[in-house]
Amino acid sequence: MKKNVHPKYYPNAKISCACGNVIETGSTVSEMKVEICGACHPFYSGKKKLLDATGRVERFKQITEKFKQKKATLAGKKSRSKKPKAETKKVVSKKKKKK
């Protein structure tokens, strides 16, 4: 096997969570910081928790509100100015068949 191919292994690497939980494990990185772990994850803890680090939920709500307002204004305009469509007749060719 080749020497110096594998990264350095830290047997006592520390993983610290945003909730304050610290886990010691083996890793190629000596120290890690995570937003959520098994102690605070809603699936494992049974507590319902909203994780929104970058404001995506608020942005989604704003976009849906704008869409609803736009849809309501378009529906109001359509109901006021409905014009009848021109009727189109289907033209059937009258070719005679040779017997």
N, C-alpha and C. Protein backbone atom coordinates (compact mmCIF):
# COMPACT_ATOMS: atom_id res chain seq x y z
N MET A 1 0.83 -1.20 0.00
CA MET A 1 0.00 0.00 0.00
C MET A 1 0.87 1.25 0.00
N LYS A 2 0.32 2.32 -0.56
CA LYS A 2 1.04 3.57 -0.58
C LYS A 2 0.99 4.23 0.79
N LYS A 3 2.07 4.91 1.15
CA LYS A 3 2.12 5.62 2.43
C LYS A 3 1.62 7.04 2.22
N ASN A 4 1.11 7.62 3.28
CA ASN A 4 0.63 9.02 3.31
C ASN A 4 -0.50 9.30 2.31
N VAL A 5 -1.35 8.30 2.08
CA VAL A 5 -2.49 8.48 1.19
C VAL A 5 -3.73 8.87 1.99
N HIS A 6 -3.90 8.26 3.14
CA HIS A 6 -5.09 8.47 3.95
C HIS A 6 -4.96 9.72 4.81
N PRO A 7 -6.09 10.42 5.08
CA PRO A 7 -6.03 11.60 5.95
C PRO A 7 -5.78 11.19 7.40
N LYS A 8 -5.36 12.15 8.20
CA LYS A 8 -5.09 11.88 9.61
C LYS A 8 -6.39 11.55 10.33
N TYR A 9 -6.36 10.55 11.19
CA TYR A 9 -7.54 10.09 11.91
C TYR A 9 -7.45 10.57 13.35
N TYR A 10 -8.52 11.22 13.83
CA TYR A 10 -8.59 11.70 15.21
C TYR A 10 -9.55 10.78 15.97
N PRO A 11 -9.06 9.97 16.89
CA PRO A 11 -9.95 9.05 17.62
C PRO A 11 -10.86 9.75 18.62
N ASN A 12 -10.50 10.94 19.08
CA ASN A 12 -11.33 11.67 20.05
C ASN A 12 -11.84 12.98 19.45
N ALA A 13 -12.42 12.93 18.27
CA ALA A 13 -12.97 14.12 17.63
C ALA A 13 -14.23 14.55 18.35
N LYS A 14 -14.44 15.87 18.46
CA LYS A 14 -15.61 16.39 19.17
C LYS A 14 -16.59 16.99 18.17
N ILE A 15 -17.85 16.58 18.33
CA ILE A 15 -18.94 17.13 17.52
C ILE A 15 -19.83 17.90 18.48
N SER A 16 -19.94 19.22 18.27
CA SER A 16 -20.77 20.03 19.17
C SER A 16 -22.00 20.52 18.40
N CYS A 17 -23.14 20.36 19.04
CA CYS A 17 -24.43 20.73 18.44
C CYS A 17 -24.84 22.11 18.93
N ALA A 18 -25.76 22.74 18.22
CA ALA A 18 -26.28 24.05 18.59
C ALA A 18 -27.07 24.00 19.90
N CYS A 19 -27.61 22.83 20.23
CA CYS A 19 -28.36 22.69 21.48
C CYS A 19 -27.45 22.55 22.70
N GLY A 20 -26.15 22.35 22.48
CA GLY A 20 -25.20 22.23 23.59
C GLY A 20 -24.69 20.83 23.79
N ASN A 21 -25.21 19.87 23.09
CA ASN A 21 -24.79 18.48 23.20
C ASN A 21 -23.42 18.30 22.55
N VAL A 22 -22.51 17.59 23.22
CA VAL A 22 -21.17 17.34 22.69
C VAL A 22 -21.00 15.83 22.58
N ILE A 23 -20.57 15.37 21.41
CA ILE A 23 -20.38 13.95 21.15
C ILE A 23 -18.91 13.72 20.81
N GLU A 24 -18.30 12.71 21.41
CA GLU A 24 -16.93 12.36 21.07
C GLU A 24 -16.95 11.10 20.22
N THR A 25 -16.26 11.14 19.10
CA THR A 25 -16.24 10.02 18.18
C THR A 25 -14.95 10.07 17.38
N GLY A 26 -14.73 9.10 16.54
CA GLY A 26 -13.56 9.09 15.68
C GLY A 26 -13.90 9.69 14.33
N SER A 27 -12.98 10.54 13.82
CA SER A 27 -13.23 11.21 12.55
C SER A 27 -11.92 11.70 11.95
N THR A 28 -11.99 12.13 10.70
CA THR A 28 -10.82 12.71 10.05
C THR A 28 -10.75 14.22 10.29
N VAL A 29 -11.76 14.78 10.95
CA VAL A 29 -11.79 16.19 11.33
C VAL A 29 -11.76 16.24 12.85
N SER A 30 -10.91 17.09 13.42
CA SER A 30 -10.76 17.10 14.87
C SER A 30 -11.97 17.69 15.60
N GLU A 31 -12.63 18.68 14.99
CA GLU A 31 -13.77 19.32 15.65
C GLU A 31 -14.81 19.72 14.62
N MET A 32 -16.11 19.45 14.91
CA MET A 32 -17.21 19.79 14.02
C MET A 32 -18.30 20.49 14.80
N LYS A 33 -19.02 21.38 14.10
CA LYS A 33 -20.19 22.04 14.70
C LYS A 33 -21.38 21.75 13.80
N VAL A 34 -22.46 21.25 14.39
CA VAL A 34 -23.66 20.91 13.64
C VAL A 34 -24.85 21.67 14.23
N GLU A 35 -25.91 21.83 13.42
CA GLU A 35 -27.10 22.54 13.85
C GLU A 35 -28.07 21.65 14.62
N ILE A 36 -28.06 20.36 14.32
CA ILE A 36 -29.04 19.45 14.91
C ILE A 36 -28.38 18.09 15.15
N CYS A 37 -28.78 17.45 16.23
CA CYS A 37 -28.22 16.13 16.56
C CYS A 37 -29.35 15.21 17.01
N GLY A 38 -29.01 14.02 17.44
CA GLY A 38 -30.01 13.06 17.89
C GLY A 38 -30.73 13.48 19.15
N ALA A 39 -30.10 14.33 19.97
CA ALA A 39 -30.72 14.78 21.22
C ALA A 39 -31.79 15.83 20.99
N CYS A 40 -31.66 16.62 19.91
CA CYS A 40 -32.62 17.70 19.68
C CYS A 40 -33.43 17.53 18.39
N HIS A 41 -33.21 16.49 17.63
CA HIS A 41 -33.95 16.26 16.40
C HIS A 41 -35.38 15.88 16.73
N PRO A 42 -36.37 16.49 16.03
CA PRO A 42 -37.78 16.22 16.35
C PRO A 42 -38.18 14.75 16.22
N PHE A 43 -37.57 14.02 15.31
CA PHE A 43 -37.92 12.62 15.13
C PHE A 43 -37.54 11.80 16.36
N TYR A 44 -36.39 12.09 16.93
CA TYR A 44 -35.90 11.31 18.08
C TYR A 44 -36.40 11.86 19.41
N SER A 45 -36.59 13.17 19.51
CA SER A 45 -36.99 13.76 20.78
C SER A 45 -38.51 13.79 20.96
N GLY A 46 -39.27 13.77 19.86
CA GLY A 46 -40.72 13.80 19.95
C GLY A 46 -41.27 15.21 20.08
N LYS A 47 -40.41 16.22 20.08
CA LYS A 47 -40.84 17.61 20.18
C LYS A 47 -40.88 18.21 18.79
N LYS A 48 -41.96 18.95 18.51
CA LYS A 48 -42.08 19.60 17.22
C LYS A 48 -41.27 20.89 17.26
N LYS A 49 -40.40 21.06 16.28
CA LYS A 49 -39.50 22.19 16.28
C LYS A 49 -39.33 22.70 14.85
N LEU A 50 -39.38 24.00 14.67
CA LEU A 50 -39.21 24.59 13.34
C LEU A 50 -37.76 24.98 13.16
N LEU A 51 -37.11 24.38 12.17
CA LEU A 51 -35.72 24.69 11.87
C LEU A 51 -35.68 25.60 10.66
N ASP A 52 -35.36 26.84 10.89
CA ASP A 52 -35.31 27.81 9.80
C ASP A 52 -34.10 28.71 10.00
N ALA A 53 -32.96 28.25 9.52
CA ALA A 53 -31.73 28.99 9.72
C ALA A 53 -31.57 30.15 8.75
N THR A 54 -32.14 30.04 7.57
CA THR A 54 -31.92 31.07 6.55
C THR A 54 -33.18 31.84 6.18
N GLY A 55 -34.28 31.68 6.90
CA GLY A 55 -35.50 32.43 6.61
C GLY A 55 -36.28 31.90 5.43
N ARG A 56 -36.13 30.65 5.10
CA ARG A 56 -36.81 30.09 3.93
C ARG A 56 -38.30 29.95 4.14
N VAL A 57 -38.72 29.66 5.37
CA VAL A 57 -40.15 29.51 5.64
C VAL A 57 -40.85 30.85 5.46
N GLU A 58 -40.26 31.92 5.99
CA GLU A 58 -40.85 33.25 5.85
C GLU A 58 -40.90 33.66 4.38
N ARG A 59 -39.84 33.37 3.64
CA ARG A 59 -39.79 33.71 2.22
C ARG A 59 -40.88 32.95 1.46
N PHE A 60 -41.08 31.68 1.80
CA PHE A 60 -42.12 30.88 1.15
C PHE A 60 -43.49 31.47 1.43
N LYS A 61 -43.74 31.88 2.67
CA LYS A 61 -45.02 32.47 3.03
C LYS A 61 -45.26 33.77 2.28
N GLN A 62 -44.22 34.59 2.11
CA GLN A 62 -44.36 35.83 1.37
C GLN A 62 -44.70 35.56 -0.10
N ILE A 63 -44.04 34.58 -0.69
CA ILE A 63 -44.28 34.24 -2.09
C ILE A 63 -45.71 33.74 -2.28
N THR A 64 -46.19 32.90 -1.37
CA THR A 64 -47.56 32.39 -1.49
C THR A 64 -48.58 33.50 -1.32
N GLU A 65 -48.33 34.45 -0.42
CA GLU A 65 -49.25 35.57 -0.24
C GLU A 65 -49.31 36.42 -1.51
N LYS A 66 -48.16 36.70 -2.12
CA LYS A 66 -48.13 37.46 -3.37
C LYS A 66 -48.90 36.74 -4.46
N PHE A 67 -48.72 35.41 -4.52
CA PHE A 67 -49.41 34.62 -5.54
C PHE A 67 -50.92 34.67 -5.33
N LYS A 68 -51.37 34.57 -4.08
CA LYS A 68 -52.80 34.62 -3.80
C LYS A 68 -53.39 35.97 -4.17
N GLN A 69 -52.66 37.05 -3.87
CA GLN A 69 -53.14 38.39 -4.21
C GLN A 69 -53.21 38.56 -5.72
N LYS A 70 -52.20 38.10 -6.42
CA LYS A 70 -52.16 38.22 -7.87
C LYS A 70 -53.28 37.40 -8.50
N LYS A 71 -53.53 36.22 -7.97
CA LYS A 71 -54.59 35.35 -8.48
C LYS A 71 -55.95 36.00 -8.26
N ALA A 72 -56.14 36.65 -7.11
CA ALA A 72 -57.41 37.30 -6.82
C ALA A 72 -57.64 38.48 -7.76
N THR A 73 -56.60 39.27 -8.03
CA THR A 73 -56.77 40.41 -8.93
C THR A 73 -57.02 39.95 -10.35
N LEU A 74 -56.36 38.89 -10.77
CA LEU A 74 -56.59 38.36 -12.12
C LEU A 74 -57.99 37.79 -12.25
N ALA A 75 -58.48 37.13 -11.21
CA ALA A 75 -59.83 36.57 -11.24
C ALA A 75 -60.86 37.69 -11.31
N GLY A 76 -60.62 38.80 -10.63
CA GLY A 76 -61.53 39.94 -10.67
C GLY A 76 -61.56 40.58 -12.05
N LYS A 77 -60.42 40.68 -12.69
CA LYS A 77 -60.35 41.27 -14.02
C LYS A 77 -61.04 40.37 -15.04
N LYS A 78 -60.86 39.08 -14.93
CA LYS A 78 -61.45 38.14 -15.88
C LYS A 78 -62.97 38.13 -15.76
N SER A 79 -63.48 38.22 -14.55
CA SER A 79 -64.93 38.16 -14.38
C SER A 79 -65.61 39.43 -14.93
N ARG A 80 -64.92 40.56 -14.92
CA ARG A 80 -65.49 41.80 -15.42
C ARG A 80 -65.46 41.88 -16.94
N SER A 81 -64.40 41.43 -17.53
CA SER A 81 -64.23 41.64 -18.96
C SER A 81 -64.22 40.34 -19.74
N LYS A 82 -65.27 39.57 -19.61
CA LYS A 82 -65.36 38.34 -20.39
C LYS A 82 -65.97 38.67 -21.74
N LYS A 83 -65.26 38.34 -22.78
CA LYS A 83 -65.75 38.56 -24.13
C LYS A 83 -66.07 37.21 -24.75
N PRO A 84 -67.17 37.14 -25.49
CA PRO A 84 -67.48 35.85 -26.11
C PRO A 84 -66.46 35.54 -27.20
N LYS A 85 -66.09 34.30 -27.26
CA LYS A 85 -65.14 33.86 -28.28
C LYS A 85 -65.89 33.64 -29.59
N ALA A 86 -65.18 33.85 -30.67
CA ALA A 86 -65.79 33.64 -31.99
C ALA A 86 -66.04 32.15 -32.18
N GLU A 87 -67.17 31.85 -32.73
CA GLU A 87 -67.49 30.45 -32.95
C GLU A 87 -66.78 29.97 -34.21
N THR A 88 -66.25 28.81 -34.12
CA THR A 88 -65.58 28.23 -35.28
C THR A 88 -66.37 27.01 -35.73
N LYS A 89 -66.57 26.94 -37.04
CA LYS A 89 -67.31 25.82 -37.59
C LYS A 89 -66.31 24.85 -38.20
N LYS A 90 -66.62 23.62 -38.06
CA LYS A 90 -65.78 22.58 -38.61
C LYS A 90 -66.13 22.38 -40.08
N VAL A 91 -65.14 22.52 -40.94
CA VAL A 91 -65.37 22.38 -42.37
C VAL A 91 -65.11 20.93 -42.75
N VAL A 92 -66.10 20.35 -43.39
CA VAL A 92 -65.97 18.96 -43.84
C VAL A 92 -65.89 18.98 -45.36
N SER A 93 -64.88 18.35 -45.88
CA SER A 93 -64.73 18.33 -47.35
C SER A 93 -65.74 17.33 -47.95
N LYS A 94 -66.24 17.70 -49.07
CA LYS A 94 -67.24 16.87 -49.74
C LYS A 94 -66.65 16.29 -51.01
N LYS A 95 -65.74 15.39 -50.84
CA LYS A 95 -65.14 14.72 -51.99
C LYS A 95 -65.94 13.48 -52.32
N LYS A 96 -66.11 13.28 -53.60
CA LYS A 96 -66.84 12.10 -54.02
C LYS A 96 -65.88 10.94 -54.19
N LYS A 97 -66.32 9.81 -53.77
CA LYS A 97 -65.52 8.62 -53.92
C LYS A 97 -65.81 7.97 -55.26
N LYS A 98 -64.77 7.52 -55.92
CA LYS A 98 -64.94 6.80 -57.18
C LYS A 98 -65.17 5.33 -56.89
N LYS A 99 -66.14 4.78 -57.64
CA LYS A 99 -66.47 3.37 -57.42
C LYS A 99 -65.90 2.49 -58.47
